[in-house]
């Protein structure tokens, strides 16, 4: 469905900051709940953050709460993840995702479109 392309990943020192972006094709971006997931080496893709259709409600994983901020600019069809105070355990491939539903708990199966991922590497 909607095509998503992440950017902004790279190498950063522990304690540093990085901002990820996710560009969506088309002009139906506001119809989607958006989220960020990450996958370190291993089988599981971990929920990071989600934001509702117009950006008035957000959810965060406990592991990133207070350090990461999810936001969206519907006029630019773009989702963001501002990551501050990065830790080595934040190192992963980060994926942008879109889905139709908003609820108290969001997981991988709630999202129907996925980007290709962008690598975040945290040194030391």
N, C-alpha and C. Protein backbone atom coordinates (compact mmCIF):
# COMPACT_ATOMS: atom_id res chain seq x y z
N UNK A 1 0.85 -1.19 0.00
CA UNK A 1 0.00 0.00 0.00
C UNK A 1 0.88 1.23 0.00
N UNK A 2 0.83 2.02 1.07
CA UNK A 2 1.68 3.20 1.13
C UNK A 2 3.14 2.76 1.15
N UNK A 3 3.97 3.49 0.42
CA UNK A 3 5.39 3.18 0.37
C UNK A 3 6.15 4.08 1.34
N UNK A 4 7.01 3.48 2.13
CA UNK A 4 7.72 4.18 3.18
C UNK A 4 9.22 4.04 2.98
N UNK A 5 9.94 5.14 3.18
CA UNK A 5 11.38 5.15 3.03
C UNK A 5 12.00 5.86 4.22
N UNK A 6 12.79 5.12 5.00
CA UNK A 6 13.47 5.70 6.16
C UNK A 6 14.80 6.33 5.74
N UNK A 7 15.22 7.31 6.53
CA UNK A 7 16.53 7.90 6.36
C UNK A 7 16.98 8.47 7.69
N UNK A 8 18.25 8.82 7.78
CA UNK A 8 18.79 9.46 8.97
C UNK A 8 19.59 8.57 9.88
N UNK A 9 19.64 7.29 9.60
CA UNK A 9 20.45 6.40 10.41
C UNK A 9 21.92 6.65 10.20
N UNK A 10 22.72 6.09 11.09
CA UNK A 10 24.15 6.25 10.99
C UNK A 10 24.84 5.90 12.28
N UNK A 11 26.07 6.35 12.40
CA UNK A 11 26.91 6.08 13.55
C UNK A 11 26.89 7.26 14.50
N UNK A 12 26.68 6.99 15.77
CA UNK A 12 26.65 8.04 16.77
C UNK A 12 27.29 7.53 18.06
N UNK A 13 27.92 8.42 18.79
CA UNK A 13 28.50 8.07 20.08
C UNK A 13 27.41 7.91 21.13
N UNK A 14 27.64 7.03 22.08
CA UNK A 14 26.73 6.92 23.21
C UNK A 14 26.55 8.28 23.87
N UNK A 15 25.31 8.60 24.20
CA UNK A 15 24.98 9.90 24.74
C UNK A 15 24.61 10.93 23.70
N UNK A 16 24.84 10.61 22.45
CA UNK A 16 24.53 11.53 21.38
C UNK A 16 23.10 11.44 20.91
N UNK A 17 22.82 12.14 19.83
CA UNK A 17 21.47 12.24 19.30
C UNK A 17 21.45 11.93 17.81
N UNK A 18 20.29 11.49 17.36
CA UNK A 18 20.08 11.19 15.97
C UNK A 18 18.60 11.40 15.66
N UNK A 19 18.31 11.85 14.46
CA UNK A 19 16.93 12.05 14.04
C UNK A 19 16.64 11.21 12.81
N UNK A 20 15.69 10.31 12.93
CA UNK A 20 15.26 9.50 11.81
C UNK A 20 14.05 10.12 11.14
N UNK A 21 13.97 9.95 9.84
CA UNK A 21 12.82 10.40 9.07
C UNK A 21 12.25 9.24 8.28
N UNK A 22 10.97 9.32 8.01
CA UNK A 22 10.28 8.32 7.20
C UNK A 22 9.37 9.07 6.24
N UNK A 23 9.67 8.98 4.97
CA UNK A 23 8.89 9.65 3.94
C UNK A 23 7.88 8.68 3.35
N UNK A 24 6.63 9.11 3.28
CA UNK A 24 5.55 8.30 2.74
C UNK A 24 5.12 8.84 1.39
N UNK A 25 4.84 7.94 0.48
CA UNK A 25 4.36 8.35 -0.84
C UNK A 25 2.87 8.64 -0.80
N UNK A 26 2.41 9.43 -1.76
CA UNK A 26 1.01 9.75 -1.86
C UNK A 26 0.58 10.86 -0.91
N UNK A 27 -0.71 11.12 -0.94
CA UNK A 27 -1.27 12.17 -0.09
C UNK A 27 -2.33 11.63 0.85
N UNK A 28 -2.18 10.39 1.27
CA UNK A 28 -3.07 9.78 2.23
C UNK A 28 -2.37 9.49 3.55
N UNK A 29 -1.26 10.15 3.81
CA UNK A 29 -0.46 9.91 4.99
C UNK A 29 -1.27 10.06 6.28
N UNK A 30 -2.16 11.04 6.32
CA UNK A 30 -2.92 11.31 7.53
C UNK A 30 -3.93 10.21 7.86
N UNK A 31 -4.16 9.28 6.95
CA UNK A 31 -5.07 8.17 7.20
C UNK A 31 -4.43 7.07 8.04
N UNK A 32 -3.13 7.14 8.24
CA UNK A 32 -2.40 6.05 8.87
C UNK A 32 -1.91 6.39 10.26
N UNK A 33 -2.12 5.46 11.17
CA UNK A 33 -1.34 5.41 12.39
C UNK A 33 0.10 5.05 11.99
N UNK A 34 1.06 5.70 12.60
CA UNK A 34 2.45 5.47 12.25
C UNK A 34 3.23 4.99 13.46
N UNK A 35 4.24 4.20 13.19
CA UNK A 35 5.05 3.68 14.28
C UNK A 35 6.49 3.45 13.87
N UNK A 36 7.32 3.32 14.88
CA UNK A 36 8.71 2.92 14.72
C UNK A 36 8.94 1.61 15.47
N UNK A 37 9.61 0.70 14.82
CA UNK A 37 10.07 -0.55 15.42
C UNK A 37 11.57 -0.66 15.19
N UNK A 38 12.19 -1.52 15.97
CA UNK A 38 13.62 -1.75 15.77
C UNK A 38 13.93 -3.22 15.94
N UNK A 39 14.99 -3.64 15.29
CA UNK A 39 15.41 -5.03 15.37
C UNK A 39 16.92 -5.10 15.49
N UNK A 40 17.36 -5.52 16.66
CA UNK A 40 18.75 -5.86 16.89
C UNK A 40 18.98 -7.27 16.37
N UNK A 41 20.24 -7.70 16.29
CA UNK A 41 20.47 -9.08 15.87
C UNK A 41 19.66 -10.05 16.71
N UNK A 42 18.81 -10.80 16.05
CA UNK A 42 17.91 -11.71 16.73
C UNK A 42 16.58 -11.77 16.02
N UNK A 43 15.65 -12.57 16.53
CA UNK A 43 14.41 -12.83 15.80
C UNK A 43 13.31 -11.80 16.00
N UNK A 44 13.38 -10.98 17.05
CA UNK A 44 12.25 -10.15 17.42
C UNK A 44 12.41 -8.72 16.95
N UNK A 45 11.31 -8.18 16.45
CA UNK A 45 11.24 -6.77 16.12
C UNK A 45 10.49 -6.06 17.26
N UNK A 46 11.15 -5.09 17.87
CA UNK A 46 10.67 -4.46 19.09
C UNK A 46 9.93 -3.16 18.78
N UNK A 47 8.78 -3.00 19.40
CA UNK A 47 8.06 -1.74 19.32
C UNK A 47 8.85 -0.63 19.99
N UNK A 48 8.89 0.53 19.34
CA UNK A 48 9.60 1.68 19.88
C UNK A 48 8.63 2.80 20.23
N UNK A 49 7.82 3.22 19.26
CA UNK A 49 6.93 4.36 19.46
C UNK A 49 5.85 4.35 18.40
N UNK A 50 4.72 4.98 18.71
CA UNK A 50 3.63 5.12 17.74
C UNK A 50 2.95 6.45 17.94
N UNK A 51 2.30 6.91 16.88
CA UNK A 51 1.62 8.19 16.90
C UNK A 51 0.32 8.07 16.11
N UNK A 52 -0.72 8.71 16.60
CA UNK A 52 -2.01 8.58 15.94
C UNK A 52 -2.07 9.46 14.70
N UNK A 53 -3.24 9.49 14.07
CA UNK A 53 -3.39 10.07 12.74
C UNK A 53 -2.95 11.52 12.64
N UNK A 54 -3.24 12.31 13.67
CA UNK A 54 -2.94 13.74 13.61
C UNK A 54 -1.91 14.17 14.64
N UNK A 55 -1.29 13.21 15.30
CA UNK A 55 -0.20 13.54 16.20
C UNK A 55 -0.60 14.00 17.58
N UNK A 56 -1.84 13.76 17.98
CA UNK A 56 -2.31 14.19 19.28
C UNK A 56 -2.13 13.15 20.37
N UNK A 57 -1.73 11.95 20.01
CA UNK A 57 -1.52 10.90 20.98
C UNK A 57 -0.31 10.07 20.57
N UNK A 58 0.51 9.74 21.55
CA UNK A 58 1.71 8.94 21.30
C UNK A 58 1.88 7.87 22.36
N UNK A 59 2.56 6.79 21.98
CA UNK A 59 2.95 5.73 22.90
C UNK A 59 4.43 5.45 22.71
N UNK A 60 5.10 5.10 23.80
CA UNK A 60 6.51 4.77 23.76
C UNK A 60 6.79 3.49 24.53
N UNK A 61 7.75 2.75 24.04
CA UNK A 61 8.28 1.65 24.83
C UNK A 61 8.97 2.20 26.07
N UNK A 62 8.89 1.45 27.16
CA UNK A 62 9.52 1.90 28.40
C UNK A 62 11.02 2.14 28.22
N UNK A 63 11.63 1.37 27.36
CA UNK A 63 13.07 1.46 27.18
C UNK A 63 13.53 2.78 26.55
N UNK A 64 12.62 3.48 25.88
CA UNK A 64 12.98 4.73 25.21
C UNK A 64 12.22 5.93 25.74
N UNK A 65 11.26 5.70 26.59
CA UNK A 65 10.43 6.78 27.10
C UNK A 65 11.29 7.83 27.81
N UNK A 66 11.09 9.08 27.46
CA UNK A 66 11.88 10.16 28.02
C UNK A 66 13.10 10.52 27.21
N UNK A 67 13.51 9.63 26.32
CA UNK A 67 14.68 9.89 25.49
C UNK A 67 14.33 10.09 24.02
N UNK A 68 13.31 9.39 23.56
CA UNK A 68 12.90 9.46 22.16
C UNK A 68 11.60 10.24 22.04
N UNK A 69 11.42 10.90 20.91
CA UNK A 69 10.20 11.62 20.61
C UNK A 69 9.75 11.30 19.20
N UNK A 70 8.53 10.80 19.08
CA UNK A 70 7.95 10.56 17.76
C UNK A 70 7.08 11.75 17.38
N UNK A 71 7.13 12.14 16.12
CA UNK A 71 6.31 13.23 15.64
C UNK A 71 6.00 13.01 14.17
N UNK A 72 5.07 13.78 13.65
CA UNK A 72 4.74 13.67 12.24
C UNK A 72 4.37 15.03 11.69
N UNK A 73 4.61 15.19 10.40
CA UNK A 73 4.22 16.38 9.67
C UNK A 73 3.39 15.90 8.49
N UNK A 74 2.08 15.95 8.65
CA UNK A 74 1.21 15.41 7.62
C UNK A 74 1.28 16.21 6.32
N UNK A 75 1.58 17.49 6.42
CA UNK A 75 1.71 18.31 5.22
C UNK A 75 2.90 17.87 4.38
N UNK A 76 3.91 17.28 5.01
CA UNK A 76 5.10 16.80 4.31
C UNK A 76 5.13 15.29 4.16
N UNK A 77 4.07 14.62 4.58
CA UNK A 77 4.00 13.15 4.51
C UNK A 77 5.23 12.51 5.15
N UNK A 78 5.61 13.01 6.31
CA UNK A 78 6.85 12.57 6.92
C UNK A 78 6.65 12.27 8.41
N UNK A 79 7.23 11.18 8.84
CA UNK A 79 7.29 10.76 10.23
C UNK A 79 8.71 10.93 10.73
N UNK A 80 8.86 11.29 12.00
CA UNK A 80 10.17 11.51 12.59
C UNK A 80 10.33 10.73 13.88
N UNK A 81 11.57 10.42 14.19
CA UNK A 81 11.93 9.90 15.50
C UNK A 81 13.18 10.61 15.97
N UNK A 82 13.03 11.47 16.94
CA UNK A 82 14.16 12.15 17.54
C UNK A 82 14.69 11.28 18.67
N UNK A 83 15.94 10.89 18.60
CA UNK A 83 16.55 10.00 19.56
C UNK A 83 17.66 10.75 20.29
N UNK A 84 17.50 10.92 21.58
CA UNK A 84 18.49 11.58 22.41
C UNK A 84 19.05 10.61 23.44
N UNK A 85 20.18 10.97 23.99
CA UNK A 85 20.83 10.15 25.03
C UNK A 85 20.94 8.70 24.61
N UNK A 86 21.44 8.49 23.42
CA UNK A 86 21.49 7.14 22.86
C UNK A 86 22.42 6.24 23.66
N UNK A 87 22.01 5.00 23.76
CA UNK A 87 22.74 3.97 24.48
C UNK A 87 23.16 2.87 23.51
N UNK A 88 24.20 2.13 23.86
CA UNK A 88 24.58 1.02 22.98
C UNK A 88 23.43 0.04 22.71
N UNK A 89 22.56 -0.15 23.68
CA UNK A 89 21.45 -1.06 23.48
C UNK A 89 20.38 -0.53 22.52
N UNK A 90 20.49 0.72 22.12
CA UNK A 90 19.60 1.26 21.09
C UNK A 90 20.04 0.87 19.68
N UNK A 91 21.21 0.30 19.55
CA UNK A 91 21.71 -0.06 18.24
C UNK A 91 20.83 -1.12 17.61
N UNK A 92 20.33 -0.83 16.42
CA UNK A 92 19.41 -1.74 15.74
C UNK A 92 19.11 -1.17 14.36
N UNK A 93 18.42 -1.97 13.57
CA UNK A 93 17.80 -1.46 12.36
C UNK A 93 16.43 -0.92 12.75
N UNK A 94 16.16 0.31 12.40
CA UNK A 94 14.90 0.96 12.74
C UNK A 94 13.99 0.98 11.53
N UNK A 95 12.74 0.57 11.75
CA UNK A 95 11.75 0.46 10.69
C UNK A 95 10.59 1.40 10.93
N UNK A 96 10.19 2.09 9.91
CA UNK A 96 8.97 2.88 9.90
C UNK A 96 7.82 1.99 9.46
N UNK A 97 6.65 2.17 10.06
CA UNK A 97 5.50 1.34 9.73
C UNK A 97 4.22 2.17 9.75
N UNK A 98 3.26 1.74 8.94
CA UNK A 98 1.96 2.39 8.85
C UNK A 98 0.85 1.37 9.04
N UNK A 99 -0.22 1.78 9.71
CA UNK A 99 -1.34 0.89 9.91
C UNK A 99 -2.64 1.66 10.09
N UNK A 100 -3.77 0.96 10.04
CA UNK A 100 -5.08 1.63 10.07
C UNK A 100 -5.66 1.84 11.45
N UNK A 101 -5.13 1.17 12.47
CA UNK A 101 -5.80 1.15 13.76
C UNK A 101 -4.98 1.81 14.85
N UNK A 102 -5.68 2.39 15.80
CA UNK A 102 -5.07 2.96 16.99
C UNK A 102 -5.70 2.30 18.21
N UNK A 103 -4.88 1.92 19.15
CA UNK A 103 -5.38 1.28 20.35
C UNK A 103 -4.42 1.44 21.51
N UNK A 104 -4.79 0.86 22.63
CA UNK A 104 -3.96 0.96 23.83
C UNK A 104 -2.65 0.21 23.67
N UNK A 105 -2.68 -0.85 22.92
CA UNK A 105 -1.49 -1.64 22.66
C UNK A 105 -1.32 -1.82 21.15
N UNK A 106 -0.16 -1.46 20.67
CA UNK A 106 0.16 -1.62 19.26
C UNK A 106 1.34 -2.57 19.12
N UNK A 107 1.22 -3.48 18.18
CA UNK A 107 2.29 -4.42 17.93
C UNK A 107 2.50 -4.56 16.43
N UNK A 108 3.44 -5.41 16.08
CA UNK A 108 3.85 -5.54 14.70
C UNK A 108 2.68 -5.85 13.76
N UNK A 109 1.76 -6.70 14.21
CA UNK A 109 0.66 -7.11 13.34
C UNK A 109 -0.38 -6.01 13.13
N UNK A 110 -0.32 -4.94 13.89
CA UNK A 110 -1.22 -3.81 13.70
C UNK A 110 -0.79 -2.93 12.53
N UNK A 111 0.38 -3.16 12.01
CA UNK A 111 0.92 -2.33 10.94
C UNK A 111 1.00 -3.14 9.66
N UNK A 112 0.58 -2.54 8.57
CA UNK A 112 0.44 -3.26 7.31
C UNK A 112 1.44 -2.85 6.24
N UNK A 113 2.12 -1.74 6.43
CA UNK A 113 3.13 -1.28 5.48
C UNK A 113 4.41 -0.97 6.23
N UNK A 114 5.53 -1.32 5.61
CA UNK A 114 6.82 -1.20 6.27
C UNK A 114 7.86 -0.61 5.34
N UNK A 115 8.74 0.19 5.91
CA UNK A 115 9.90 0.65 5.18
C UNK A 115 10.98 -0.40 5.15
N UNK A 116 12.09 -0.05 4.53
CA UNK A 116 13.19 -1.00 4.35
C UNK A 116 14.13 -1.05 5.54
N UNK A 117 14.03 -0.07 6.41
CA UNK A 117 14.87 -0.01 7.59
C UNK A 117 16.09 0.86 7.40
N UNK A 118 16.55 1.45 8.49
CA UNK A 118 17.77 2.23 8.49
C UNK A 118 18.59 1.86 9.72
N UNK A 119 19.88 1.68 9.52
CA UNK A 119 20.75 1.19 10.59
C UNK A 119 21.16 2.33 11.51
N UNK A 120 21.02 2.10 12.81
CA UNK A 120 21.52 3.00 13.83
C UNK A 120 22.60 2.26 14.61
N UNK A 121 23.80 2.79 14.60
CA UNK A 121 24.92 2.20 15.30
C UNK A 121 25.37 3.16 16.40
N UNK A 122 25.49 2.65 17.61
CA UNK A 122 25.88 3.46 18.76
C UNK A 122 27.20 2.91 19.28
N UNK A 123 28.22 3.73 19.26
CA UNK A 123 29.55 3.31 19.67
C UNK A 123 29.74 3.45 21.17
N UNK A 124 30.65 2.64 21.70
CA UNK A 124 30.99 2.56 23.12
C UNK A 124 29.79 2.22 23.96
